[in-house]
Amino acid sequence: MKVRPIIFSSDMVDAILHRNKTQTRRAVTRLLKVGPITEFSISPMQGETYRVQYDYRFRDSRHHINDVRSEYVVERCPYGQPGDQLWVREAWMIDDQQIVYKADNQYYGDGCKWQPAMFMPRQASRITLEIKYVCITPLQHMSDSDCRAEGIDAVDYPEFSYIALWDSLNAKRGYSWLSNPLVWVIQFKVVQNAA
């Protein structure tokens, strides 16, 4: 079992704490043992005309084009495999010698300085998740139940709320909802909650 960090926004940490979030989607931008990748897409080498069929195509950091099978990619998920754990990084600060978390929505005065989630050390994390399932899918292949598992609590049309959330976090990086990138779908359960 491996343990890796994962960053969540305060709203998503709140959804995890209330057991409303059981999966996350992340754009496929790197693979273990390969490094950063670009141009990740469905491989054109599919169908009866090809002796060997591939599922995905990507360009590696040396600019080589790689056509690979699904198993190759899923085995290299940078977040881990079923049974592995993720410790949650979230916005935090130290107040009166104690760690406090932005997701708790408590007021700490106008001068408070929240530390970005990316700088949270392991010992400050209060949530550990266990990965239950990992796959790759186009972002737009989502049902209403998937949106709810992502922590969206809208009763009617949860997809619209999820689209707004996704774009607020990813559109500036080139992974907008409309571009329909291939994404990791990581299903998890909470195994430790120190809150």
C-alpha atoms as a PDB file:
ATOM      1  CA  MET A   1       0.000   0.000   0.000  1.00  0.00           C
ATOM      2  CA  LYS A   2       1.272   3.436  -0.943  1.00  0.00           C
ATOM      3  CA  VAL A   3       0.276   6.752   0.614  1.00  0.00           C
ATOM      4  CA  ARG A   4       0.237   9.941  -1.471  1.00  0.00           C
ATOM      5  CA  PRO A   5      -1.040  13.506  -1.002  1.00  0.00           C
ATOM      6  CA  ILE A   6      -4.032  14.982  -2.823  1.00  0.00           C
ATOM      7  CA  ILE A   7      -5.271  18.588  -2.729  1.00  0.00           C
ATOM      8  CA  PHE A   8      -8.932  19.497  -2.239  1.00  0.00           C
ATOM      9  CA  SER A   9     -10.613  22.901  -2.072  1.00  0.00           C
ATOM     10  CA  SER A  10     -12.325  23.875   1.192  1.00  0.00           C
ATOM     11  CA  ASP A  11     -15.784  23.190  -0.252  1.00  0.00           C
ATOM     12  CA  MET A  12     -14.756  19.702  -1.294  1.00  0.00           C
ATOM     13  CA  VAL A  13     -13.138  18.992   2.093  1.00  0.00           C
ATOM     14  CA  ASP A  14     -16.437  19.988   3.702  1.00  0.00           C
ATOM     15  CA  ALA A  15     -18.274  17.564   1.385  1.00  0.00           C
ATOM     16  CA  ILE A  16     -15.814  14.774   2.311  1.00  0.00           C
ATOM     17  CA  LEU A  17     -16.300  15.471   6.022  1.00  0.00           C
ATOM     18  CA  HIS A  18     -20.073  15.231   5.574  1.00  0.00           C
ATOM     19  CA  ARG A  19     -19.683  11.999   3.555  1.00  0.00           C
ATOM     20  CA  ASN A  20     -21.204  13.617   0.441  1.00  0.00           C
ATOM     21  CA  LYS A  21     -18.069  13.289  -1.697  1.00  0.00           C
ATOM     22  CA  THR A  22     -16.880   9.792  -2.603  1.00  0.00           C
ATOM     23  CA  GLN A  23     -15.112  10.415  -5.909  1.00  0.00           C
ATOM     24  CA  THR A  24     -12.959  12.970  -7.646  1.00  0.00           C
ATOM     25  CA  ARG A  25     -11.990  13.679 -11.225  1.00  0.00           C
ATOM     26  CA  ARG A  26      -8.550  14.962 -12.211  1.00  0.00           C
ATOM     27  CA  ALA A  27      -7.224  15.796 -15.679  1.00  0.00           C
ATOM     28  CA  VAL A  28      -4.700  13.252 -16.950  1.00  0.00           C
ATOM     29  CA  THR A  29      -1.459  15.253 -17.116  1.00  0.00           C
ATOM     30  CA  ARG A  30       1.201  12.799 -15.921  1.00  0.00           C
ATOM     31  CA  LEU A  31       1.850   9.084 -15.544  1.00  0.00           C
ATOM     32  CA  LEU A  32       4.026   7.289 -13.001  1.00  0.00           C
ATOM     33  CA  LYS A  33       7.295   6.074 -14.551  1.00  0.00           C
ATOM     34  CA  VAL A  34       6.652   8.372 -17.540  1.00  0.00           C
ATOM     35  CA  GLY A  35       6.356  11.888 -16.082  1.00  0.00           C
ATOM     36  CA  PRO A  36       4.460  14.816 -17.586  1.00  0.00           C
ATOM     37  CA  ILE A  37       2.420  14.051 -20.692  1.00  0.00           C
ATOM     38  CA  THR A  38       0.543  16.169 -23.210  1.00  0.00           C
ATOM     39  CA  GLU A  39      -1.979  15.566 -25.954  1.00  0.00           C
ATOM     40  CA  PHE A  40      -3.613  12.716 -24.031  1.00  0.00           C
ATOM     41  CA  SER A  41      -6.448  11.335 -26.157  1.00  0.00           C
ATOM     42  CA  ILE A  42      -8.216   8.262 -27.486  1.00  0.00           C
ATOM     43  CA  SER A  43      -5.844   6.409 -29.806  1.00  0.00           C
ATOM     44  CA  PRO A  44      -6.709   6.425 -33.503  1.00  0.00           C
ATOM     45  CA  MET A  45      -5.224   2.894 -33.685  1.00  0.00           C
ATOM     46  CA  GLN A  46      -8.458   1.074 -32.914  1.00  0.00           C
ATOM     47  CA  GLY A  47     -10.721  -1.133 -34.989  1.00  0.00           C
ATOM     48  CA  GLU A  48     -10.434  -4.168 -37.193  1.00  0.00           C
ATOM     49  CA  THR A  49      -7.809  -2.689 -39.517  1.00  0.00           C
ATOM     50  CA  TYR A  50      -5.110  -2.777 -36.804  1.00  0.00           C
ATOM     51  CA  ARG A  51      -3.369  -5.991 -35.786  1.00  0.00           C
ATOM     52  CA  VAL A  52      -2.570  -4.551 -32.331  1.00  0.00           C
ATOM     53  CA  GLN A  53      -5.189  -2.234 -30.886  1.00  0.00           C
ATOM     54  CA  TYR A  54      -4.476   0.626 -28.514  1.00  0.00           C
ATOM     55  CA  ASP A  55      -6.790   2.627 -26.281  1.00  0.00           C
ATOM     56  CA  TYR A  56      -4.902   5.877 -25.607  1.00  0.00           C
ATOM     57  CA  ARG A  57      -2.303   8.117 -27.204  1.00  0.00           C
ATOM     58  CA  PHE A  58      -0.057  10.666 -25.508  1.00  0.00           C
ATOM     59  CA  ARG A  59       3.099  12.655 -26.091  1.00  0.00           C
ATOM     60  CA  ASP A  60       5.804  12.217 -23.448  1.00  0.00           C
ATOM     61  CA  SER A  61       8.351  14.789 -22.238  1.00  0.00           C
ATOM     62  CA  ARG A  62      10.754  13.752 -25.028  1.00  0.00           C
ATOM     63  CA  HIS A  63       7.965  14.562 -27.534  1.00  0.00           C
ATOM     64  CA  HIS A  64       7.535  10.914 -28.550  1.00  0.00           C
ATOM     65  CA  ILE A  65       4.008   9.805 -29.430  1.00  0.00           C
ATOM     66  CA  ASN A  66       2.939   6.691 -27.526  1.00  0.00           C
ATOM     67  CA  ASP A  67      -0.064   4.473 -28.276  1.00  0.00           C
ATOM     68  CA  VAL A  68      -0.870   2.280 -25.293  1.00  0.00           C
ATOM     69  CA  ARG A  69      -3.516  -0.008 -23.891  1.00  0.00           C
ATOM     70  CA  SER A  70      -5.812   1.046 -21.075  1.00  0.00           C
ATOM     71  CA  GLU A  71      -4.100  -1.193 -18.500  1.00  0.00           C
ATOM     72  CA  TYR A  72      -0.756   0.523 -19.121  1.00  0.00           C
ATOM     73  CA  VAL A  73      -2.245   3.918 -18.312  1.00  0.00           C
ATOM     74  CA  VAL A  74      -4.376   2.907 -15.308  1.00  0.00           C
ATOM     75  CA  GLU A  75      -1.403   1.100 -13.715  1.00  0.00           C
ATOM     76  CA  ARG A  76       0.464   4.423 -13.861  1.00  0.00           C
ATOM     77  CA  CYS A  77      -2.175   6.567 -12.159  1.00  0.00           C
ATOM     78  CA  PRO A  78      -0.207   9.131 -10.110  1.00  0.00           C
ATOM     79  CA  TYR A  79      -2.862   9.041  -7.376  1.00  0.00           C
ATOM     80  CA  GLY A  80      -2.526   5.311  -6.784  1.00  0.00           C
ATOM     81  CA  GLN A  81      -4.399   2.039  -7.151  1.00  0.00           C
ATOM     82  CA  PRO A  82      -7.278   0.441  -5.220  1.00  0.00           C
ATOM     83  CA  GLY A  83      -6.130  -0.124  -1.639  1.00  0.00           C
ATOM     84  CA  ASP A  84      -3.659   2.787  -1.691  1.00  0.00           C
ATOM     85  CA  GLN A  85      -4.311   5.797   0.532  1.00  0.00           C
ATOM     86  CA  LEU A  86      -4.480   9.530  -0.094  1.00  0.00           C
ATOM     87  CA  TRP A  87      -3.888  12.087   2.641  1.00  0.00           C
ATOM     88  CA  VAL A  88      -5.834  15.268   2.080  1.00  0.00           C
ATOM     89  CA  ARG A  89      -4.113  18.624   1.775  1.00  0.00           C
ATOM     90  CA  GLU A  90      -6.356  21.623   2.482  1.00  0.00           C
ATOM     91  CA  ALA A  91      -6.047  25.316   3.377  1.00  0.00           C
ATOM     92  CA  TRP A  92      -4.928  25.674   7.009  1.00  0.00           C
ATOM     93  CA  MET A  93      -3.186  27.880   9.544  1.00  0.00           C
ATOM     94  CA  ILE A  94      -1.888  27.780  13.083  1.00  0.00           C
ATOM     95  CA  ASP A  95      -3.922  29.728  15.640  1.00  0.00           C
ATOM     96  CA  ASP A  96      -3.000  29.640  19.355  1.00  0.00           C
ATOM     97  CA  GLN A  97      -0.636  26.704  18.817  1.00  0.00           C
ATOM     98  CA  GLN A  98      -3.387  24.643  17.108  1.00  0.00           C
ATOM     99  CA  ILE A  99      -3.982  23.745  13.493  1.00  0.00           C
ATOM    100  CA  VAL A 100      -7.257  25.127  12.155  1.00  0.00           C
ATOM    101  CA  TYR A 101      -8.802  24.446   8.765  1.00  0.00           C
ATOM    102  CA  LYS A 102     -10.470  26.841   6.372  1.00  0.00           C
ATOM    103  CA  ALA A 103     -13.121  24.233   5.469  1.00  0.00           C
ATOM    104  CA  ASP A 104     -14.519  24.472   9.007  1.00  0.00           C
ATOM    105  CA  ASN A 105     -15.872  27.946   8.132  1.00  0.00           C
ATOM    106  CA  GLN A 106     -14.977  29.530  11.444  1.00  0.00           C
ATOM    107  CA  TYR A 107     -14.087  33.203  11.603  1.00  0.00           C
ATOM    108  CA  TYR A 108     -10.531  33.938  12.759  1.00  0.00           C
ATOM    109  CA  GLY A 109     -10.414  37.686  12.178  1.00  0.00           C
ATOM    110  CA  ASP A 110      -9.615  39.802   9.181  1.00  0.00           C
ATOM    111  CA  GLY A 111      -5.859  39.429   9.603  1.00  0.00           C
ATOM    112  CA  CYS A 112      -5.751  35.642   9.420  1.00  0.00           C
ATOM    113  CA  LYS A 113      -3.321  34.192   6.907  1.00  0.00           C
ATOM    114  CA  TRP A 114      -4.433  30.861   5.467  1.00  0.00           C
ATOM    115  CA  GLN A 115      -1.645  28.625   4.233  1.00  0.00           C
ATOM    116  CA  PRO A 116      -2.249  27.155   0.767  1.00  0.00           C
ATOM    117  CA  ALA A 117      -3.145  23.474   0.676  1.00  0.00           C
ATOM    118  CA  MET A 118      -0.044  22.644  -1.366  1.00  0.00           C
ATOM    119  CA  PHE A 119       2.144  23.552   1.637  1.00  0.00           C
ATOM    120  CA  MET A 120       0.312  21.406   4.197  1.00  0.00           C
ATOM    121  CA  PRO A 121       2.702  18.911   5.823  1.00  0.00           C
ATOM    122  CA  ARG A 122       1.572  15.300   6.299  1.00  0.00           C
ATOM    123  CA  GLN A 123       1.305  15.626  10.083  1.00  0.00           C
ATOM    124  CA  ALA A 124      -1.208  18.493   9.738  1.00  0.00           C
ATOM    125  CA  SER A 125      -3.594  16.445   7.590  1.00  0.00           C
ATOM    126  CA  ARG A 126      -6.774  15.290   9.312  1.00  0.00           C
ATOM    127  CA  ILE A 127      -8.316  13.176   6.531  1.00  0.00           C
ATOM    128  CA  THR A 128      -7.053   9.970   4.935  1.00  0.00           C
ATOM    129  CA  LEU A 129      -8.872   8.340   2.027  1.00  0.00           C
ATOM    130  CA  GLU A 130      -8.650   4.798   0.683  1.00  0.00           C
ATOM    131  CA  ILE A 131      -8.889   4.392  -3.089  1.00  0.00           C
ATOM    132  CA  LYS A 132     -11.642   1.964  -4.079  1.00  0.00           C
ATOM    133  CA  TYR A 133     -11.567   2.271  -7.885  1.00  0.00           C
ATOM    134  CA  VAL A 134      -9.571   4.054 -10.616  1.00  0.00           C
ATOM    135  CA  CYS A 135     -10.414   4.500 -14.299  1.00  0.00           C
ATOM    136  CA  ILE A 136     -10.151   6.989 -17.155  1.00  0.00           C
ATOM    137  CA  THR A 137     -13.136   8.490 -18.916  1.00  0.00           C
ATOM    138  CA  PRO A 138     -14.046  11.610 -20.891  1.00  0.00           C
ATOM    139  CA  LEU A 139     -15.051  14.328 -18.440  1.00  0.00           C
ATOM    140  CA  GLN A 140     -18.526  14.744 -19.892  1.00  0.00           C
ATOM    141  CA  HIS A 141     -19.414  11.072 -19.354  1.00  0.00           C
ATOM    142  CA  MET A 142     -21.098  11.815 -16.027  1.00  0.00           C
ATOM    143  CA  SER A 143     -24.480  10.963 -14.603  1.00  0.00           C
ATOM    144  CA  ASP A 144     -26.405  12.928 -11.992  1.00  0.00           C
ATOM    145  CA  SER A 145     -25.306  10.360  -9.407  1.00  0.00           C
ATOM    146  CA  ASP A 146     -21.654  10.955 -10.404  1.00  0.00           C
ATOM    147  CA  CYS A 147     -22.159  14.693  -9.848  1.00  0.00           C
ATOM    148  CA  ARG A 148     -23.583  13.993  -6.391  1.00  0.00           C
ATOM    149  CA  ALA A 149     -20.678  11.626  -5.611  1.00  0.00           C
ATOM    150  CA  GLU A 150     -18.414  14.553  -6.504  1.00  0.00           C
ATOM    151  CA  GLY A 151     -19.946  16.491  -3.595  1.00  0.00           C
ATOM    152  CA  ILE A 152     -22.556  18.481  -5.517  1.00  0.00           C
ATOM    153  CA  ASP A 153     -25.691  18.844  -3.403  1.00  0.00           C
ATOM    154  CA  ALA A 154     -27.971  20.453  -6.008  1.00  0.00           C
ATOM    155  CA  VAL A 155     -31.291  18.617  -6.215  1.00  0.00           C
ATOM    156  CA  ASP A 156     -32.186  19.681  -9.753  1.00  0.00           C
ATOM    157  CA  TYR A 157     -29.619  19.569 -12.551  1.00  0.00           C
ATOM    158  CA  PRO A 158     -26.494  18.807 -10.480  1.00  0.00           C
ATOM    159  CA  GLU A 159     -24.466  18.691 -13.706  1.00  0.00           C
ATOM    160  CA  PHE A 160     -24.726  22.477 -14.091  1.00  0.00           C
ATOM    161  CA  SER A 161     -23.259  22.983 -10.613  1.00  0.00           C
ATOM    162  CA  TYR A 162     -20.495  20.501 -11.355  1.00  0.00           C
ATOM    163  CA  ILE A 163     -19.639  22.207 -14.659  1.00  0.00           C
ATOM    164  CA  ALA A 164     -19.256  25.540 -12.847  1.00  0.00           C
ATOM    165  CA  LEU A 165     -17.072  23.918 -10.167  1.00  0.00           C
ATOM    166  CA  TRP A 166     -14.901  22.082 -12.728  1.00  0.00           C
ATOM    167  CA  ASP A 167     -14.347  25.176 -14.856  1.00  0.00           C
ATOM    168  CA  SER A 168     -13.512  27.339 -11.822  1.00  0.00           C
ATOM    169  CA  LEU A 169     -10.687  24.934 -10.968  1.00  0.00           C
ATOM    170  CA  ASN A 170      -9.500  23.733 -14.380  1.00  0.00           C
ATOM    171  CA  ALA A 171     -10.502  25.975 -17.301  1.00  0.00           C
ATOM    172  CA  LYS A 172      -7.545  28.348 -16.847  1.00  0.00           C
ATOM    173  CA  ARG A 173      -5.213  25.353 -17.078  1.00  0.00           C
ATOM    174  CA  GLY A 174      -6.689  24.347 -20.454  1.00  0.00           C
ATOM    175  CA  TYR A 175      -9.038  21.614 -19.233  1.00  0.00           C
ATOM    176  CA  SER A 176     -12.468  23.224 -19.568  1.00  0.00           C
ATOM    177  CA  TRP A 177     -15.711  21.253 -19.525  1.00  0.00           C
ATOM    178  CA  LEU A 178     -16.248  22.047 -23.209  1.00  0.00           C
ATOM    179  CA  SER A 179     -12.830  20.654 -24.159  1.00  0.00           C
ATOM    180  CA  ASN A 180     -13.982  17.323 -22.617  1.00  0.00           C
ATOM    181  CA  PRO A 181     -10.536  16.135 -21.455  1.00  0.00           C
ATOM    182  CA  LEU A 182      -9.872  12.564 -20.434  1.00  0.00           C
ATOM    183  CA  VAL A 183      -9.834  12.409 -16.644  1.00  0.00           C
ATOM    184  CA  TRP A 184      -8.920  10.080 -13.823  1.00  0.00           C
ATOM    185  CA  VAL A 185     -12.011   8.991 -11.907  1.00  0.00           C
ATOM    186  CA  ILE A 186     -10.967   8.065  -8.384  1.00  0.00           C
ATOM    187  CA  GLN A 187     -13.558   6.579  -6.058  1.00  0.00           C
ATOM    188  CA  PHE A 188     -12.651   6.554  -2.369  1.00  0.00           C
ATOM    189  CA  LYS A 189     -13.837   6.139   1.184  1.00  0.00           C
ATOM    190  CA  VAL A 190     -12.740   7.990   4.313  1.00  0.00           C
ATOM    191  CA  VAL A 191     -10.589   5.790   6.549  1.00  0.00           C
ATOM    192  CA  GLN A 192      -9.389   8.468   8.960  1.00  0.00           C
ATOM    193  CA  ASN A 193     -11.038  11.684   9.978  1.00  0.00           C
ATOM    194  CA  ALA A 194      -9.359  13.484  12.873  1.00  0.00           C
ATOM    195  CA  ALA A 195     -11.916  16.317  12.851  1.00  0.00           C
END
